[in-house]
C-alpha atoms as a PDB file:
ATOM      1  CA  MET A   1       0.173   0.085   0.111  1.00  0.00           C
ATOM      2  CA  ILE A   2       1.301   3.395  -1.079  1.00  0.00           C
ATOM      3  CA  LYS A   3       1.553   6.007   1.617  1.00  0.00           C
ATOM      4  CA  TYR A   4       1.135   9.474   0.572  1.00  0.00           C
ATOM      5  CA  ASP A   5       2.635  12.399   2.444  1.00  0.00           C
ATOM      6  CA  CYS A   6       0.475  15.370   3.731  1.00  0.00           C
ATOM      7  CA  LYS A   7       2.131  17.689   1.213  1.00  0.00           C
ATOM      8  CA  PHE A   8       1.320  15.324  -1.749  1.00  0.00           C
ATOM      9  CA  LYS A   9      -2.376  15.121  -0.583  1.00  0.00           C
ATOM     10  CA  LEU A  10      -2.761  18.696  -0.229  1.00  0.00           C
ATOM     11  CA  LYS A  11      -1.374  19.208  -3.715  1.00  0.00           C
ATOM     12  CA  ALA A  12      -3.823  16.921  -5.184  1.00  0.00           C
ATOM     13  CA  ILE A  13      -6.645  18.543  -3.287  1.00  0.00           C
ATOM     14  CA  ASN A  14      -5.898  22.027  -4.126  1.00  0.00           C
ATOM     15  CA  PHE A  15      -5.614  20.886  -7.869  1.00  0.00           C
ATOM     16  CA  TYR A  16      -9.065  19.328  -7.815  1.00  0.00           C
ATOM     17  CA  LYS A  17     -10.613  22.474  -6.144  1.00  0.00           C
ATOM     18  CA  ASN A  18      -8.836  25.032  -8.118  1.00  0.00           C
ATOM     19  CA  ASN A  19      -9.431  23.409 -11.571  1.00  0.00           C
ATOM     20  CA  ASP A  20     -12.514  22.311 -13.333  1.00  0.00           C
ATOM     21  CA  VAL A  21     -11.622  18.900 -13.354  1.00  0.00           C
ATOM     22  CA  SER A  22     -13.045  15.492 -12.172  1.00  0.00           C
ATOM     23  CA  LEU A  23     -11.789  13.098  -9.510  1.00  0.00           C
ATOM     24  CA  LYS A  24     -10.912  10.584 -12.139  1.00  0.00           C
ATOM     25  CA  GLU A  25      -8.644  13.197 -13.942  1.00  0.00           C
ATOM     26  CA  THR A  26      -7.091  14.533 -10.780  1.00  0.00           C
ATOM     27  CA  CYS A  27      -6.234  10.700  -9.798  1.00  0.00           C
ATOM     28  CA  LYS A  28      -4.721  10.239 -13.212  1.00  0.00           C
ATOM     29  CA  LYS A  29      -2.706  13.345 -13.111  1.00  0.00           C
ATOM     30  CA  PHE A  30      -1.030  12.583  -9.516  1.00  0.00           C
ATOM     31  CA  ASN A  31      -1.127   8.683 -10.147  1.00  0.00           C
ATOM     32  CA  ILE A  32      -3.448   8.080  -7.179  1.00  0.00           C
ATOM     33  CA  LYS A  33      -4.671   4.495  -7.450  1.00  0.00           C
ATOM     34  CA  SER A  34      -8.350   5.230  -6.458  1.00  0.00           C
ATOM     35  CA  HIS A  35     -10.713   8.226  -6.614  1.00  0.00           C
ATOM     36  CA  SER A  36     -11.839   6.992  -3.109  1.00  0.00           C
ATOM     37  CA  ASN A  37      -8.567   7.823  -1.634  1.00  0.00           C
ATOM     38  CA  LEU A  38      -8.926  11.489  -3.061  1.00  0.00           C
ATOM     39  CA  THR A  39     -12.596  11.579  -1.801  1.00  0.00           C
ATOM     40  CA  TYR A  40     -11.617  10.547   1.649  1.00  0.00           C
ATOM     41  CA  TRP A  41      -8.728  13.323   1.721  1.00  0.00           C
ATOM     42  CA  ILE A  42     -11.155  15.985   0.287  1.00  0.00           C
ATOM     43  CA  ASN A  43     -13.567  15.075   3.209  1.00  0.00           C
ATOM     44  CA  SER A  44     -10.979  14.569   5.950  1.00  0.00           C
ATOM     45  CA  TYR A  45      -9.442  17.966   4.902  1.00  0.00           C
ATOM     46  CA  ASN A  46     -12.767  19.722   5.043  1.00  0.00           C
ATOM     47  CA  PHE A  47     -13.612  18.570   8.248  1.00  0.00           C
ATOM     48  CA  ASN A  48     -10.172  18.390  10.058  1.00  0.00           C
ATOM     49  CA  GLY A  49      -8.086  20.843   8.167  1.00  0.00           C
ATOM     50  CA  VAL A  50      -4.251  20.051   7.392  1.00  0.00           C
ATOM     51  CA  GLU A  51      -4.327  17.746  10.668  1.00  0.00           C
ATOM     52  CA  GLY A  52      -6.931  15.490   8.909  1.00  0.00           C
ATOM     53  CA  LEU A  53      -4.056  14.570   6.091  1.00  0.00           C
ATOM     54  CA  LYS A  54      -1.284  13.812   8.253  1.00  0.00           C
ATOM     55  CA  LEU A  55      -0.205  10.394   8.586  1.00  0.00           C
ATOM     56  CA  LYS A  56      -0.920   9.031  12.107  1.00  0.00           C
ATOM     57  CA  ALA A  57       1.912   7.158  13.805  1.00  0.00           C
ATOM     58  CA  ASN A  58       1.070   3.961  15.811  1.00  0.00           C
ATOM     59  CA  LYS A  59      -0.992   5.560  18.377  1.00  0.00           C
ATOM     60  CA  LYS A  60      -2.558   3.707  21.471  1.00  0.00           C
ATOM     61  CA  TYR A  61      -6.134   4.235  22.098  1.00  0.00           C
ATOM     62  CA  SER A  62      -8.026   3.909  25.316  1.00  0.00           C
ATOM     63  CA  VAL A  63     -10.603   1.200  25.467  1.00  0.00           C
ATOM     64  CA  GLU A  64     -13.135   4.056  26.242  1.00  0.00           C
ATOM     65  CA  PHE A  65     -12.001   5.804  22.890  1.00  0.00           C
ATOM     66  CA  LYS A  66     -12.508   2.628  21.044  1.00  0.00           C
ATOM     67  CA  ALA A  67     -15.881   1.696  22.693  1.00  0.00           C
ATOM     68  CA  SER A  68     -17.191   5.329  21.843  1.00  0.00           C
ATOM     69  CA  VAL A  69     -16.132   5.162  18.179  1.00  0.00           C
ATOM     70  CA  VAL A  70     -17.938   1.656  17.944  1.00  0.00           C
ATOM     71  CA  ASN A  71     -21.042   2.947  19.949  1.00  0.00           C
ATOM     72  CA  TYR A  72     -21.356   5.986  17.521  1.00  0.00           C
ATOM     73  CA  TYR A  73     -21.014   3.756  14.477  1.00  0.00           C
ATOM     74  CA  LYS A  74     -23.898   1.500  16.142  1.00  0.00           C
ATOM     75  CA  THR A  75     -26.116   4.146  17.131  1.00  0.00           C
ATOM     76  CA  HIS A  76     -25.895   6.333  13.924  1.00  0.00           C
ATOM     77  CA  GLU A  77     -26.353   5.421  10.307  1.00  0.00           C
ATOM     78  CA  ILE A  78     -22.764   6.233   9.217  1.00  0.00           C
ATOM     79  CA  ASN A  79     -20.136   4.853   6.908  1.00  0.00           C
ATOM     80  CA  PRO A  80     -16.893   3.899   8.961  1.00  0.00           C
ATOM     81  CA  ARG A  81     -14.748   5.933   6.552  1.00  0.00           C
ATOM     82  CA  ASP A  82     -17.020   8.830   7.403  1.00  0.00           C
ATOM     83  CA  LEU A  83     -16.708   8.124  11.124  1.00  0.00           C
ATOM     84  CA  ALA A  84     -12.783   7.909  10.716  1.00  0.00           C
ATOM     85  CA  ILE A  85     -13.093  11.480   9.563  1.00  0.00           C
ATOM     86  CA  ILE A  86     -14.949  12.638  12.354  1.00  0.00           C
ATOM     87  CA  TYR A  87     -12.683  11.023  14.960  1.00  0.00           C
ATOM     88  CA  ASN A  88      -9.674  11.982  12.951  1.00  0.00           C
ATOM     89  CA  ILE A  89      -8.413   8.131  12.713  1.00  0.00           C
ATOM     90  CA  ASN A  90      -7.505   5.640  10.219  1.00  0.00           C
ATOM     91  CA  PRO A  91     -10.488   4.128   8.482  1.00  0.00           C
ATOM     92  CA  SER A  92      -8.891   0.610   8.857  1.00  0.00           C
ATOM     93  CA  GLN A  93      -8.746   1.115  12.331  1.00  0.00           C
ATOM     94  CA  VAL A  94     -12.722   1.674  12.688  1.00  0.00           C
ATOM     95  CA  TYR A  95     -13.261  -1.262  10.523  1.00  0.00           C
ATOM     96  CA  SER A  96     -11.002  -3.362  12.804  1.00  0.00           C
ATOM     97  CA  TRP A  97     -12.597  -2.059  16.178  1.00  0.00           C
ATOM     98  CA  ILE A  98     -16.121  -2.807  14.664  1.00  0.00           C
ATOM     99  CA  LYS A  99     -15.231  -6.392  13.821  1.00  0.00           C
ATOM    100  CA  ILE A 100     -13.542  -7.050  17.236  1.00  0.00           C
ATOM    101  CA  PHE A 101     -16.457  -5.670  19.141  1.00  0.00           C
ATOM    102  CA  ASP A 102     -18.903  -7.641  17.014  1.00  0.00           C
ATOM    103  CA  LEU A 103     -16.729 -10.886  17.680  1.00  0.00           C
ATOM    104  CA  HIS A 104     -15.656 -10.530  21.002  1.00  0.00           C
ATOM    105  CA  GLY A 105     -17.641  -7.385  22.624  1.00  0.00           C
ATOM    106  CA  ILE A 106     -16.125  -4.821  24.949  1.00  0.00           C
ATOM    107  CA  ASN A 107     -13.214  -7.375  25.983  1.00  0.00           C
ATOM    108  CA  GLY A 108     -12.113  -7.645  22.629  1.00  0.00           C
ATOM    109  CA  LEU A 109     -11.362  -4.034  22.468  1.00  0.00           C
ATOM    110  CA  GLU A 110      -9.306  -4.191  25.650  1.00  0.00           C
ATOM    111  CA  LEU A 111      -7.273  -6.826  23.958  1.00  0.00           C
ATOM    112  CA  SER A 112      -7.162  -5.539  20.502  1.00  0.00           C
ATOM    113  CA  GLY A 113      -3.811  -4.167  20.488  1.00  0.00           C
ATOM    114  CA  LYS A 114      -2.313  -7.473  22.205  1.00  0.00           C
ATOM    115  CA  VAL A 115      -3.720 -10.160  19.973  1.00  0.00           C
ATOM    116  CA  GLY A 116      -1.896 -11.461  16.777  1.00  0.00           C
ATOM    117  CA  ARG A 117       1.413 -12.684  16.255  1.00  0.00           C
ATOM    118  CA  PRO A 118       3.624 -12.521  19.182  1.00  0.00           C
ATOM    119  CA  SER A 119       6.788 -10.100  19.174  1.00  0.00           C
ATOM    120  CA  MET A 120      10.144 -11.486  18.181  1.00  0.00           C
ATOM    121  CA  LYS A 121      11.578  -9.856  21.380  1.00  0.00           C
ATOM    122  CA  LYS A 122      13.612 -12.458  23.419  1.00  0.00           C
ATOM    123  CA  HIS A 123      11.982 -12.648  26.942  1.00  0.00           C
ATOM    124  CA  LYS A 124      14.556 -13.295  29.739  1.00  0.00           C
ATOM    125  CA  LYS A 125      14.226 -16.623  31.593  1.00  0.00           C
ATOM    126  CA  ASN A 126      13.889 -16.548  35.092  1.00  0.00           C
ATOM    127  CA  ASP A 127      16.630 -19.064  36.144  1.00  0.00           C
ATOM    128  CA  LYS A 128      15.976 -18.845  39.810  1.00  0.00           C
ATOM    129  CA  VAL A 129      14.764 -22.157  40.938  1.00  0.00           C
ATOM    130  CA  ILE A 130      13.269 -22.205  44.466  1.00  0.00           C
ATOM    131  CA  PRO A 131      14.154 -25.683  45.907  1.00  0.00           C
ATOM    132  CA  LEU A 132      11.146 -27.538  47.691  1.00  0.00           C
ATOM    133  CA  THR A 133      11.367 -28.430  51.234  1.00  0.00           C
ATOM    134  CA  ASP A 134      10.863 -32.278  52.090  1.00  0.00           C
ATOM    135  CA  SER A 135       7.342 -31.910  53.110  1.00  0.00           C
ATOM    136  CA  GLU A 136       6.390 -30.080  49.999  1.00  0.00           C
ATOM    137  CA  ARG A 137       8.232 -32.615  47.902  1.00  0.00           C
ATOM    138  CA  ASN A 138       6.323 -35.591  49.570  1.00  0.00           C
ATOM    139  CA  LYS A 139       2.997 -33.697  49.211  1.00  0.00           C
ATOM    140  CA  TYR A 140       3.586 -33.423  45.591  1.00  0.00           C
ATOM    141  CA  ILE A 141       4.839 -37.051  45.226  1.00  0.00           C
ATOM    142  CA  ASN A 142       1.962 -38.285  47.063  1.00  0.00           C
ATOM    143  CA  GLU A 143      -0.442 -36.288  44.824  1.00  0.00           C
ATOM    144  CA  ILE A 144       1.298 -37.627  41.786  1.00  0.00           C
ATOM    145  CA  ILE A 145       0.820 -41.246  42.966  1.00  0.00           C
ATOM    146  CA  ASN A 146      -2.740 -40.536  43.730  1.00  0.00           C
ATOM    147  CA  LEU A 147      -3.432 -39.026  40.156  1.00  0.00           C
ATOM    148  CA  LYS A 148      -1.676 -41.852  38.461  1.00  0.00           C
ATOM    149  CA  SER A 149      -3.669 -44.415  40.516  1.00  0.00           C
ATOM    150  CA  LYS A 150      -7.049 -42.522  39.422  1.00  0.00           C
ATOM    151  CA  LEU A 151      -5.888 -42.520  35.823  1.00  0.00           C
ATOM    152  CA  TYR A 152      -4.891 -46.315  35.751  1.00  0.00           C
ATOM    153  CA  ASN A 153      -8.481 -47.154  37.343  1.00  0.00           C
ATOM    154  CA  THR A 154     -10.223 -45.052  34.989  1.00  0.00           C
ATOM    155  CA  GLU A 155      -8.362 -46.632  31.771  1.00  0.00           C
ATOM    156  CA  MET A 156      -9.297 -50.019  33.221  1.00  0.00           C
ATOM    157  CA  GLU A 157     -12.970 -49.130  33.510  1.00  0.00           C
ATOM    158  CA  ASN A 158     -12.872 -47.917  29.990  1.00  0.00           C
ATOM    159  CA  ASP A 159     -11.306 -51.066  28.624  1.00  0.00           C
ATOM    160  CA  ILE A 160     -13.749 -53.268  30.653  1.00  0.00           C
ATOM    161  CA  ILE A 161     -16.795 -51.021  28.962  1.00  0.00           C
ATOM    162  CA  LYS A 162     -15.178 -51.302  25.714  1.00  0.00           C
ATOM    163  CA  LYS A 163     -14.601 -54.961  25.910  1.00  0.00           C
ATOM    164  CA  ARG A 164     -18.245 -55.521  27.088  1.00  0.00           C
ATOM    165  CA  ILE A 165     -19.520 -53.571  24.243  1.00  0.00           C
ATOM    166  CA  ALA A 166     -17.430 -55.598  21.783  1.00  0.00           C
ATOM    167  CA  LEU A 167     -18.843 -58.883  23.138  1.00  0.00           C
ATOM    168  CA  GLU A 168     -22.323 -57.587  23.010  1.00  0.00           C
ATOM    169  CA  MET A 169     -22.043 -56.520  19.218  1.00  0.00           C
ATOM    170  CA  LYS A 170     -20.307 -59.878  18.741  1.00  0.00           C
ATOM    171  CA  LYS A 171     -23.482 -61.540  20.109  1.00  0.00           C
ATOM    172  CA  ASP A 172     -25.763 -59.690  18.057  1.00  0.00           C
ATOM    173  CA  ILE A 173     -23.761 -60.345  14.802  1.00  0.00           C
ATOM    174  CA  PHE A 174     -23.310 -64.036  15.468  1.00  0.00           C
ATOM    175  CA  PRO A 175     -26.380 -65.312  17.518  1.00  0.00           C
ATOM    176  CA  LYS A 176     -26.175 -68.912  18.956  1.00  0.00           C
ATOM    177  CA  HIS A 177     -28.174 -71.479  16.861  1.00  0.00           C
ATOM    178  CA  HIS A 178     -30.838 -73.655  18.807  1.00  0.00           C
ATOM    179  CA  LYS A 179     -31.023 -77.124  18.036  1.00  0.00           C
END
């Protein structure tokens, strides 16, 4: 995706406003891929001035702000692109928040910056191992023994039930003949 700087956007808008040309002709002259981009820039400029044309850095938004944007979208009949102009944020951000809210509710908006692919940053491992006391060690060993015993008994019960089902199926398939 091509990122256009503020000066370029302003130049295209001024050309469109000061000359008797169409959106399509302006896009062709400035090599802008879509006239919807130019329309968005014009509307953003008209609503927010030059600030509306500046590229937004990776800004962190509060959950309350995200919720207010989604709430405005849900309660008003408005296009997400127009909503982005009102709040002076990226339209793709609005689409993203609406989708997250529809899938996960308000809790999703809290996590929206934290989901996705984990960072490649290496985390320091906590090498400090706290040794167990003898009583703690014995407690854990006893718990493991009990759990293993329960697991073994459950597996045996399952095997018995499976065997019984297999025998009953075998009886149904091969009934005994009476003489």
